[in-house]
N, C-alpha and C. Protein backbone atom coordinates (compact mmCIF):
# COMPACT_ATOMS: atom_id res chain seq x y z
N MET A 1 -27.67 11.30 -22.85
CA MET A 1 -26.75 11.55 -21.65
C MET A 1 -26.36 10.48 -20.83
N SER A 2 -25.13 10.02 -20.70
CA SER A 2 -24.56 8.90 -20.02
C SER A 2 -24.69 9.02 -18.47
N ARG A 3 -24.98 8.13 -17.93
CA ARG A 3 -25.14 7.77 -16.53
C ARG A 3 -24.41 6.67 -15.92
N THR A 4 -23.63 7.02 -14.88
CA THR A 4 -23.31 5.54 -13.94
C THR A 4 -24.35 4.95 -13.18
N ILE A 5 -24.37 3.65 -13.29
CA ILE A 5 -25.43 2.54 -12.40
C ILE A 5 -24.37 2.17 -11.56
N LEU A 6 -24.96 1.83 -10.41
CA LEU A 6 -23.99 0.78 -9.57
C LEU A 6 -24.97 -0.50 -9.69
N LEU A 7 -24.87 -1.77 -10.05
CA LEU A 7 -25.60 -2.99 -10.08
C LEU A 7 -25.37 -3.91 -9.05
N ILE A 8 -26.19 -3.86 -7.78
CA ILE A 8 -25.79 -4.65 -6.96
C ILE A 8 -26.63 -6.32 -6.93
N ARG A 9 -25.91 -7.28 -6.98
CA ARG A 9 -26.41 -8.80 -7.19
C ARG A 9 -27.09 -8.88 -5.90
N HIS A 10 -28.10 -9.16 -5.43
CA HIS A 10 -28.52 -9.52 -4.07
C HIS A 10 -27.68 -10.78 -3.38
N ALA A 11 -28.12 -10.44 -2.34
CA ALA A 11 -27.16 -11.53 -1.06
C ALA A 11 -28.28 -12.51 -1.33
N LYS A 12 -26.85 -14.01 -0.75
CA LYS A 12 -27.36 -15.10 -1.16
C LYS A 12 -28.74 -15.31 0.10
N ALA A 13 -29.73 -15.98 -0.88
CA ALA A 13 -31.10 -16.27 -0.33
C ALA A 13 -31.26 -17.56 0.50
N ILE A 14 -32.29 -17.98 0.88
CA ILE A 14 -32.40 -19.17 1.38
C ILE A 14 -32.81 -19.97 0.13
N GLY A 15 -32.17 -21.42 0.34
CA GLY A 15 -32.64 -22.02 -0.77
C GLY A 15 -31.90 -21.89 -2.16
N GLY A 16 -32.24 -21.95 -2.92
CA GLY A 16 -31.60 -21.64 -4.47
C GLY A 16 -32.47 -22.07 -5.67
N ARG A 17 -31.85 -22.01 -6.96
CA ARG A 17 -33.24 -22.33 -8.27
C ARG A 17 -33.77 -23.29 -7.88
N PHE A 18 -33.47 -24.21 -7.43
CA PHE A 18 -34.37 -25.65 -7.36
C PHE A 18 -35.48 -25.41 -6.49
N ASP A 19 -35.38 -24.53 -5.55
CA ASP A 19 -36.26 -24.14 -4.27
C ASP A 19 -37.31 -23.24 -5.02
N ARG A 20 -37.40 -22.71 -5.77
CA ARG A 20 -38.15 -21.72 -6.16
C ARG A 20 -39.45 -21.76 -6.19
N HIS A 21 -40.09 -23.03 -6.09
CA HIS A 21 -41.59 -23.52 -6.07
C HIS A 21 -42.00 -23.50 -4.45
N LEU A 22 -41.06 -23.21 -3.47
CA LEU A 22 -41.51 -23.24 -1.87
C LEU A 22 -41.63 -21.57 -1.49
N TYR A 23 -41.13 -20.86 -2.55
CA TYR A 23 -41.59 -19.08 -2.36
C TYR A 23 -42.23 -18.80 -3.51
N PRO A 24 -43.51 -19.10 -3.72
CA PRO A 24 -43.66 -18.47 -5.20
C PRO A 24 -44.28 -17.24 -5.22
N LYS A 25 -44.44 -16.42 -4.49
CA LYS A 25 -44.83 -15.00 -4.82
C LYS A 25 -43.61 -14.09 -4.57
N GLU A 26 -43.10 -13.96 -3.29
CA GLU A 26 -41.99 -12.81 -3.20
C GLU A 26 -40.50 -13.47 -3.43
N GLY A 27 -40.54 -14.67 -3.91
CA GLY A 27 -39.06 -15.40 -3.59
C GLY A 27 -38.72 -16.02 -2.25
N ALA A 28 -37.54 -16.36 -1.99
CA ALA A 28 -37.17 -16.56 -0.64
C ALA A 28 -36.36 -15.35 -0.17
N PRO A 29 -36.68 -15.47 1.31
CA PRO A 29 -35.84 -14.30 1.88
C PRO A 29 -34.29 -14.87 1.83
N LEU A 30 -33.51 -14.01 2.36
CA LEU A 30 -31.73 -14.08 2.50
C LEU A 30 -31.74 -14.87 3.58
N SER A 31 -30.67 -15.48 3.69
CA SER A 31 -29.79 -16.42 4.07
C SER A 31 -29.50 -15.96 5.79
N ASP A 32 -29.16 -16.61 6.56
CA ASP A 32 -28.09 -15.86 7.17
C ASP A 32 -26.88 -15.34 6.58
N GLN A 33 -26.39 -16.20 5.95
CA GLN A 33 -24.92 -15.68 5.49
C GLN A 33 -25.32 -14.23 4.71
N GLY A 34 -26.22 -14.30 3.63
CA GLY A 34 -26.86 -13.43 3.07
C GLY A 34 -27.15 -12.33 3.67
N ILE A 35 -27.73 -11.84 5.13
CA ILE A 35 -28.10 -10.89 5.65
C ILE A 35 -26.33 -10.44 6.28
N LYS A 36 -25.53 -11.15 6.43
CA LYS A 36 -24.16 -10.85 6.78
C LYS A 36 -23.56 -10.19 5.64
N ASP A 37 -23.95 -10.78 4.70
CA ASP A 37 -22.99 -10.10 3.46
C ASP A 37 -23.72 -9.08 2.97
N ALA A 38 -24.75 -8.74 2.66
CA ALA A 38 -25.88 -7.80 2.63
C ALA A 38 -25.22 -6.22 3.84
N LYS A 39 -25.32 -7.03 4.78
CA LYS A 39 -24.53 -5.82 6.06
C LYS A 39 -23.50 -5.07 5.46
N HIS A 40 -22.23 -6.07 4.88
CA HIS A 40 -21.14 -6.02 4.85
C HIS A 40 -20.95 -5.03 3.26
N LEU A 41 -22.06 -5.24 2.56
CA LEU A 41 -22.11 -4.15 1.66
C LEU A 41 -21.86 -2.73 2.16
N SER A 42 -22.86 -2.25 3.22
CA SER A 42 -22.90 -1.09 3.49
C SER A 42 -21.04 -0.49 3.71
N VAL A 43 -20.22 -1.13 4.45
CA VAL A 43 -18.67 -1.15 4.17
C VAL A 43 -18.36 -0.49 2.46
N GLN A 44 -18.18 -1.29 1.72
CA GLN A 44 -18.28 -1.00 0.62
C GLN A 44 -18.93 0.52 0.02
N LEU A 45 -20.31 0.39 0.44
CA LEU A 45 -20.97 1.95 -0.45
C LEU A 45 -20.13 2.69 0.64
N GLU A 46 -19.94 2.92 1.58
CA GLU A 46 -19.55 3.83 2.37
C GLU A 46 -17.89 4.50 2.00
N ASN A 47 -17.22 3.42 1.51
CA ASN A 47 -15.85 3.47 0.83
C ASN A 47 -16.12 4.07 -0.71
N GLU A 48 -17.24 3.89 -1.48
CA GLU A 48 -17.45 4.63 -2.49
C GLU A 48 -18.52 5.92 -2.24
N LYS A 49 -18.46 6.15 -1.05
CA LYS A 49 -18.97 7.26 -0.75
C LYS A 49 -20.40 7.50 -1.23
N ILE A 50 -21.35 6.52 -1.15
CA ILE A 50 -22.61 6.47 -1.26
C ILE A 50 -23.35 7.03 -0.66
N ASP A 51 -24.10 7.81 -0.66
CA ASP A 51 -25.51 8.33 0.09
C ASP A 51 -26.33 7.41 0.14
N LEU A 52 -26.51 6.78 1.55
CA LEU A 52 -27.54 5.34 1.80
C LEU A 52 -28.69 6.43 1.79
N LYS A 53 -29.14 7.59 1.99
CA LYS A 53 -30.24 8.06 2.30
C LYS A 53 -30.54 8.08 0.89
N GLN A 54 -30.60 7.81 -0.12
CA GLN A 54 -31.04 7.99 -1.56
C GLN A 54 -32.09 6.84 -1.83
N THR A 55 -32.74 7.05 -2.88
CA THR A 55 -33.78 5.61 -3.08
C THR A 55 -33.04 4.72 -3.91
N VAL A 56 -33.16 3.53 -3.87
CA VAL A 56 -32.73 2.73 -4.52
C VAL A 56 -33.53 1.64 -5.44
N ALA A 57 -33.46 1.35 -6.82
CA ALA A 57 -34.32 0.20 -7.09
C ALA A 57 -34.13 -0.74 -7.11
N VAL A 58 -35.42 -1.71 -7.10
CA VAL A 58 -35.06 -3.08 -6.33
C VAL A 58 -36.15 -4.05 -7.27
N SER A 59 -35.80 -5.24 -7.30
CA SER A 59 -36.93 -5.61 -7.74
C SER A 59 -38.10 -6.18 -7.28
N GLU A 60 -38.86 -7.04 -7.65
CA GLU A 60 -40.54 -7.40 -6.51
C GLU A 60 -40.02 -8.79 -5.61
N LEU A 61 -38.92 -8.87 -5.74
CA LEU A 61 -38.48 -10.14 -4.89
C LEU A 61 -37.83 -9.78 -3.67
N ILE A 62 -38.33 -10.14 -2.51
CA ILE A 62 -37.65 -9.74 -1.33
C ILE A 62 -36.16 -9.99 -1.06
N ARG A 63 -35.75 -10.67 -1.66
CA ARG A 63 -34.16 -10.82 -1.49
C ARG A 63 -33.39 -9.56 -2.00
N THR A 64 -33.83 -8.58 -2.96
CA THR A 64 -33.57 -7.59 -3.33
C THR A 64 -33.36 -6.65 -2.51
N LYS A 65 -34.77 -6.54 -1.83
CA LYS A 65 -35.35 -5.54 -1.09
C LYS A 65 -34.67 -5.62 0.25
N GLN A 66 -34.18 -7.06 0.65
CA GLN A 66 -33.60 -7.35 2.33
C GLN A 66 -32.21 -6.76 1.94
N THR A 67 -31.45 -7.15 1.07
CA THR A 67 -30.11 -6.63 0.44
C THR A 67 -30.21 -5.17 0.52
N ALA A 68 -31.04 -4.41 0.01
CA ALA A 68 -30.95 -3.04 0.37
C ALA A 68 -31.09 -2.46 1.37
N ILE A 69 -31.98 -3.21 2.57
CA ILE A 69 -32.21 -2.40 3.61
C ILE A 69 -31.05 -2.88 4.62
N TYR A 70 -30.88 -4.21 4.33
CA TYR A 70 -29.45 -4.68 5.30
C TYR A 70 -28.08 -3.83 5.15
N ALA A 71 -28.05 -3.26 3.86
CA ALA A 71 -27.00 -2.65 3.12
C ALA A 71 -27.04 -1.32 3.59
N GLY A 72 -28.32 -0.56 4.44
CA GLY A 72 -28.54 0.42 4.75
C GLY A 72 -28.93 1.54 3.99
N PHE A 73 -29.79 1.26 2.92
CA PHE A 73 -30.53 1.97 2.42
C PHE A 73 -31.69 2.04 2.79
N GLN A 74 -32.15 3.16 3.15
CA GLN A 74 -33.48 3.37 3.84
C GLN A 74 -34.59 3.53 2.83
N HIS A 75 -34.43 3.64 1.73
CA HIS A 75 -35.66 3.66 0.55
C HIS A 75 -35.35 2.87 -0.55
N VAL A 76 -36.48 2.42 -0.73
CA VAL A 76 -36.61 1.25 -2.01
C VAL A 76 -37.73 1.66 -3.05
N ARG A 77 -37.54 1.45 -4.02
CA ARG A 77 -38.58 1.56 -5.14
C ARG A 77 -38.33 0.60 -5.90
N ILE A 78 -39.76 -0.24 -6.29
CA ILE A 78 -39.60 -1.62 -6.78
C ILE A 78 -39.84 -1.48 -8.11
N TYR A 79 -39.52 -2.15 -9.14
CA TYR A 79 -39.53 -2.07 -10.47
C TYR A 79 -39.54 -3.45 -11.12
N ASP A 80 -40.58 -3.59 -11.91
CA ASP A 80 -40.87 -5.13 -12.29
C ASP A 80 -39.75 -5.65 -13.43
N THR A 81 -39.24 -4.46 -13.69
CA THR A 81 -38.04 -4.72 -14.97
C THR A 81 -37.00 -5.08 -14.32
N LEU A 82 -36.47 -5.21 -12.79
CA LEU A 82 -35.39 -5.71 -12.43
C LEU A 82 -35.69 -7.12 -11.69
N ASN A 83 -36.87 -7.62 -12.33
CA ASN A 83 -36.80 -8.86 -11.65
C ASN A 83 -36.01 -10.32 -12.03
N GLU A 84 -35.86 -11.11 -11.62
CA GLU A 84 -35.26 -12.11 -11.85
C GLU A 84 -35.60 -12.83 -13.33
N ILE A 85 -34.89 -13.45 -14.03
CA ILE A 85 -35.41 -14.04 -15.18
C ILE A 85 -35.43 -15.30 -15.26
N GLU A 86 -36.59 -15.65 -15.58
CA GLU A 86 -36.91 -17.36 -15.54
C GLU A 86 -36.51 -17.59 -17.22
N SER A 87 -35.53 -18.67 -17.80
CA SER A 87 -35.07 -18.73 -18.70
C SER A 87 -35.82 -19.56 -19.52
N GLY A 88 -36.52 -20.43 -19.13
CA GLY A 88 -37.73 -21.17 -19.75
C GLY A 88 -36.89 -22.45 -20.52
N MET A 89 -35.84 -22.45 -19.98
CA MET A 89 -34.89 -23.59 -20.76
C MET A 89 -35.06 -24.90 -19.87
N PRO A 90 -34.91 -25.56 -20.39
CA PRO A 90 -34.97 -27.14 -19.21
C PRO A 90 -33.24 -26.96 -18.84
N GLU A 91 -33.24 -27.54 -17.14
CA GLU A 91 -32.04 -27.53 -16.55
C GLU A 91 -30.96 -27.58 -17.16
N PRO A 92 -30.72 -28.96 -17.40
CA PRO A 92 -29.29 -29.60 -18.30
C PRO A 92 -29.08 -28.09 -19.49
N GLU A 93 -29.92 -27.60 -20.15
CA GLU A 93 -29.50 -27.09 -21.48
C GLU A 93 -28.81 -25.40 -20.64
N LEU A 94 -29.79 -25.17 -19.45
CA LEU A 94 -29.59 -24.00 -19.29
C LEU A 94 -27.81 -23.98 -18.42
N GLU A 95 -27.53 -25.08 -17.72
CA GLU A 95 -26.75 -25.27 -17.02
C GLU A 95 -25.33 -25.10 -18.37
N LYS A 96 -25.76 -26.25 -19.17
CA LYS A 96 -24.74 -26.21 -20.28
C LYS A 96 -24.37 -24.68 -21.01
N LEU A 97 -25.38 -24.00 -21.14
CA LEU A 97 -25.36 -22.19 -21.62
C LEU A 97 -24.16 -21.64 -20.51
N LEU A 98 -24.70 -21.54 -19.27
CA LEU A 98 -23.67 -20.78 -18.36
C LEU A 98 -22.68 -21.46 -18.19
N LYS A 99 -22.18 -22.81 -18.32
CA LYS A 99 -20.92 -23.37 -18.18
C LYS A 99 -20.25 -22.56 -19.32
N ASN A 100 -20.65 -22.45 -20.29
CA ASN A 100 -20.13 -21.29 -21.78
C ASN A 100 -20.19 -20.27 -21.49
N ILE A 101 -20.38 -19.61 -20.37
CA ILE A 101 -20.78 -18.20 -20.22
C ILE A 101 -21.19 -17.48 -21.36
N GLU A 102 -22.39 -18.07 -21.74
CA GLU A 102 -23.33 -17.50 -22.72
C GLU A 102 -24.99 -16.87 -21.89
N VAL A 103 -25.73 -16.06 -22.63
CA VAL A 103 -26.69 -15.60 -22.05
C VAL A 103 -27.84 -15.89 -22.39
N PRO A 104 -28.78 -16.50 -21.74
CA PRO A 104 -30.04 -17.09 -22.49
C PRO A 104 -30.75 -15.74 -22.91
N LYS A 105 -31.36 -16.18 -24.17
CA LYS A 105 -32.31 -15.22 -25.14
C LYS A 105 -33.29 -14.39 -24.13
N LYS A 106 -33.69 -15.04 -22.90
CA LYS A 106 -35.05 -14.19 -22.29
C LYS A 106 -33.99 -13.15 -21.27
N ALA A 107 -32.98 -13.18 -21.00
CA ALA A 107 -32.18 -12.43 -19.99
C ALA A 107 -31.85 -11.14 -21.13
N ILE A 108 -31.47 -11.57 -22.29
CA ILE A 108 -31.01 -10.52 -23.57
C ILE A 108 -32.55 -9.76 -23.55
N THR A 109 -33.34 -10.14 -23.81
CA THR A 109 -34.64 -9.64 -24.23
C THR A 109 -35.19 -8.76 -22.64
N ALA A 110 -34.92 -9.41 -21.82
CA ALA A 110 -35.45 -8.44 -20.69
C ALA A 110 -34.01 -7.48 -20.21
N ALA A 111 -33.12 -7.46 -20.55
CA ALA A 111 -32.09 -6.50 -20.34
C ALA A 111 -32.41 -5.19 -21.27
N LYS A 112 -32.84 -5.87 -22.69
CA LYS A 112 -33.16 -4.50 -23.79
C LYS A 112 -34.38 -3.51 -23.21
N ARG A 113 -35.24 -4.49 -22.56
CA ARG A 113 -36.61 -3.91 -22.07
C ARG A 113 -36.09 -3.04 -20.43
N LEU A 114 -35.17 -3.28 -19.88
CA LEU A 114 -34.69 -2.48 -18.59
C LEU A 114 -34.11 -0.97 -19.33
N LEU A 115 -33.24 -1.45 -20.04
CA LEU A 115 -32.62 -0.32 -20.56
C LEU A 115 -33.39 0.88 -21.50
N ASN A 116 -34.25 0.45 -22.32
CA ASN A 116 -34.99 1.05 -22.67
C ASN A 116 -35.84 2.22 -21.95
N SER A 117 -35.95 1.87 -20.42
CA SER A 117 -36.47 2.51 -19.93
C SER A 117 -36.06 2.22 -18.45
N PRO A 118 -34.95 2.55 -18.11
CA PRO A 118 -34.38 2.26 -16.95
C PRO A 118 -34.92 3.19 -15.83
N PRO A 119 -34.83 2.36 -14.72
CA PRO A 119 -35.39 3.20 -13.41
C PRO A 119 -34.55 4.37 -13.25
N GLU A 120 -35.00 5.79 -12.60
CA GLU A 120 -34.41 6.87 -12.47
C GLU A 120 -33.33 6.31 -11.27
N GLU A 121 -33.40 5.86 -10.75
CA GLU A 121 -32.28 5.38 -9.63
C GLU A 121 -31.27 5.47 -10.30
N ASP A 122 -30.06 5.64 -9.72
CA ASP A 122 -28.57 5.18 -10.04
C ASP A 122 -27.94 3.80 -9.17
N ILE A 123 -28.93 3.54 -8.47
CA ILE A 123 -28.52 2.04 -7.70
C ILE A 123 -29.64 0.99 -8.10
N TRP A 124 -29.21 -0.07 -8.52
CA TRP A 124 -30.33 -1.16 -8.77
C TRP A 124 -29.68 -2.06 -8.03
N VAL A 125 -30.51 -2.70 -7.52
CA VAL A 125 -30.29 -4.27 -6.87
C VAL A 125 -31.38 -5.45 -7.50
N THR A 126 -30.51 -6.28 -7.86
CA THR A 126 -31.49 -7.17 -9.04
C THR A 126 -30.42 -8.42 -8.99
N HIS A 127 -30.97 -9.33 -9.97
CA HIS A 127 -30.43 -10.47 -10.39
C HIS A 127 -29.32 -10.85 -10.91
N GLY A 128 -28.45 -11.86 -11.29
CA GLY A 128 -27.55 -12.09 -11.74
C GLY A 128 -27.64 -12.28 -13.09
N MET A 129 -28.76 -13.32 -13.67
CA MET A 129 -29.13 -13.27 -15.46
C MET A 129 -29.46 -12.13 -16.07
N LEU A 130 -30.55 -11.26 -14.92
CA LEU A 130 -30.65 -9.98 -15.90
C LEU A 130 -29.25 -9.41 -16.17
N ILE A 131 -28.08 -9.23 -14.40
CA ILE A 131 -27.02 -8.57 -15.21
C ILE A 131 -26.20 -9.19 -15.96
N ALA A 132 -26.49 -10.34 -16.40
CA ALA A 132 -25.52 -10.85 -17.48
C ALA A 132 -25.92 -10.50 -18.97
N GLY A 133 -27.26 -10.25 -18.89
CA GLY A 133 -28.12 -9.78 -20.04
C GLY A 133 -27.81 -8.33 -20.04
N ILE A 134 -27.57 -7.55 -19.00
CA ILE A 134 -27.09 -6.33 -19.14
C ILE A 134 -26.00 -6.07 -19.58
N GLY A 135 -25.00 -7.07 -19.35
CA GLY A 135 -23.66 -6.71 -20.09
C GLY A 135 -23.55 -7.43 -21.31
N HIS A 136 -24.30 -8.04 -21.57
CA HIS A 136 -24.46 -8.42 -23.03
C HIS A 136 -24.83 -7.61 -23.86
N VAL A 137 -25.82 -6.65 -23.83
CA VAL A 137 -26.69 -5.71 -24.33
C VAL A 137 -25.52 -4.49 -24.60
N LEU A 138 -25.00 -4.20 -23.38
CA LEU A 138 -23.92 -3.16 -23.51
C LEU A 138 -22.55 -3.59 -24.01
N ASN A 139 -22.59 -4.51 -24.47
CA ASN A 139 -21.02 -5.04 -25.02
C ASN A 139 -20.22 -5.34 -24.08
N ILE A 140 -20.64 -5.39 -22.83
CA ILE A 140 -19.12 -5.63 -22.12
C ILE A 140 -18.99 -7.14 -22.01
N PRO A 141 -17.43 -7.04 -22.00
CA PRO A 141 -16.99 -8.29 -22.25
C PRO A 141 -17.51 -9.62 -20.94
N THR A 142 -17.75 -10.69 -21.37
CA THR A 142 -17.80 -11.44 -19.95
C THR A 142 -16.80 -11.54 -19.01
N THR A 143 -15.85 -11.15 -19.60
CA THR A 143 -14.56 -11.65 -18.54
C THR A 143 -14.37 -9.96 -17.37
N ASP A 144 -15.21 -9.04 -17.63
CA ASP A 144 -15.76 -7.93 -16.92
C ASP A 144 -16.93 -7.58 -16.65
N LEU A 145 -17.83 -8.42 -16.72
CA LEU A 145 -19.17 -8.55 -16.21
C LEU A 145 -20.01 -9.93 -16.76
N TYR A 146 -20.04 -10.71 -16.18
CA TYR A 146 -20.88 -12.15 -16.48
C TYR A 146 -22.16 -11.87 -15.52
N ILE A 147 -22.09 -13.29 -14.46
CA ILE A 147 -22.89 -13.22 -13.77
C ILE A 147 -22.14 -13.05 -12.24
N PRO A 148 -22.37 -11.69 -11.53
CA PRO A 148 -21.15 -11.30 -10.60
C PRO A 148 -21.80 -12.24 -9.19
N ASP A 149 -20.87 -12.35 -8.23
CA ASP A 149 -20.82 -12.62 -7.16
C ASP A 149 -21.98 -12.50 -6.28
N MET A 150 -22.74 -13.07 -5.70
CA MET A 150 -23.68 -12.39 -4.70
C MET A 150 -23.27 -11.20 -3.63
N ALA A 151 -23.88 -10.33 -3.46
CA ALA A 151 -23.83 -9.14 -2.87
C ALA A 151 -22.28 -8.54 -2.99
N SER A 152 -22.52 -8.22 -4.84
CA SER A 152 -21.40 -7.64 -5.22
C SER A 152 -21.85 -6.40 -5.80
N ILE A 153 -21.10 -5.54 -5.99
CA ILE A 153 -20.98 -4.13 -6.74
C ILE A 153 -20.34 -4.05 -8.00
N THR A 154 -21.25 -4.03 -8.91
CA THR A 154 -20.74 -3.54 -10.54
C THR A 154 -20.95 -2.28 -10.85
N LYS A 155 -19.75 -1.21 -11.45
CA LYS A 155 -20.22 -0.30 -11.97
C LYS A 155 -20.45 -0.32 -13.62
N ILE A 156 -21.82 0.49 -13.93
CA ILE A 156 -21.71 0.12 -15.51
C ILE A 156 -22.40 1.85 -15.86
N HIS A 157 -22.19 1.85 -17.36
CA HIS A 157 -22.23 3.20 -18.02
C HIS A 157 -23.32 2.83 -18.92
N ILE A 158 -24.94 3.60 -18.80
CA ILE A 158 -25.60 3.62 -19.69
C ILE A 158 -25.85 5.20 -20.20
N ASN A 159 -26.68 4.71 -21.35
CA ASN A 159 -26.87 6.17 -22.04
C ASN A 159 -28.05 6.80 -21.70
């Protein structure tokens, strides 16, 4: 049976991928701008008639939990399958891949794992590289779904 899923990319965190070593366990928290953007998500969700009392799926990293809570959701469930993807690639190689709008193999593998056993919730707050992997696995053209903007919502259909 087909399901509609809302993918929410977390809002902007403090630092970036070059600062991950500073926040080794739960990752970096949202920046002031990220908090503002996450709060603005509630307006978009209300326009979509989304019930903010429902439970949403988030990764283990703090920025996805904070994005969900600041967006107005009251209940989150944590899934490691929604975690950020570490490409394992040297930075110049990863940058070249991203510039060519390609998806790292680890992101594709993680997306397949996720889609083989998806969260039961219909809203997932996760990370850009995993979203790109999901788009690749579902054959969504990169013009429609690659790595979405921070604090953005994308609607997809899964089986």
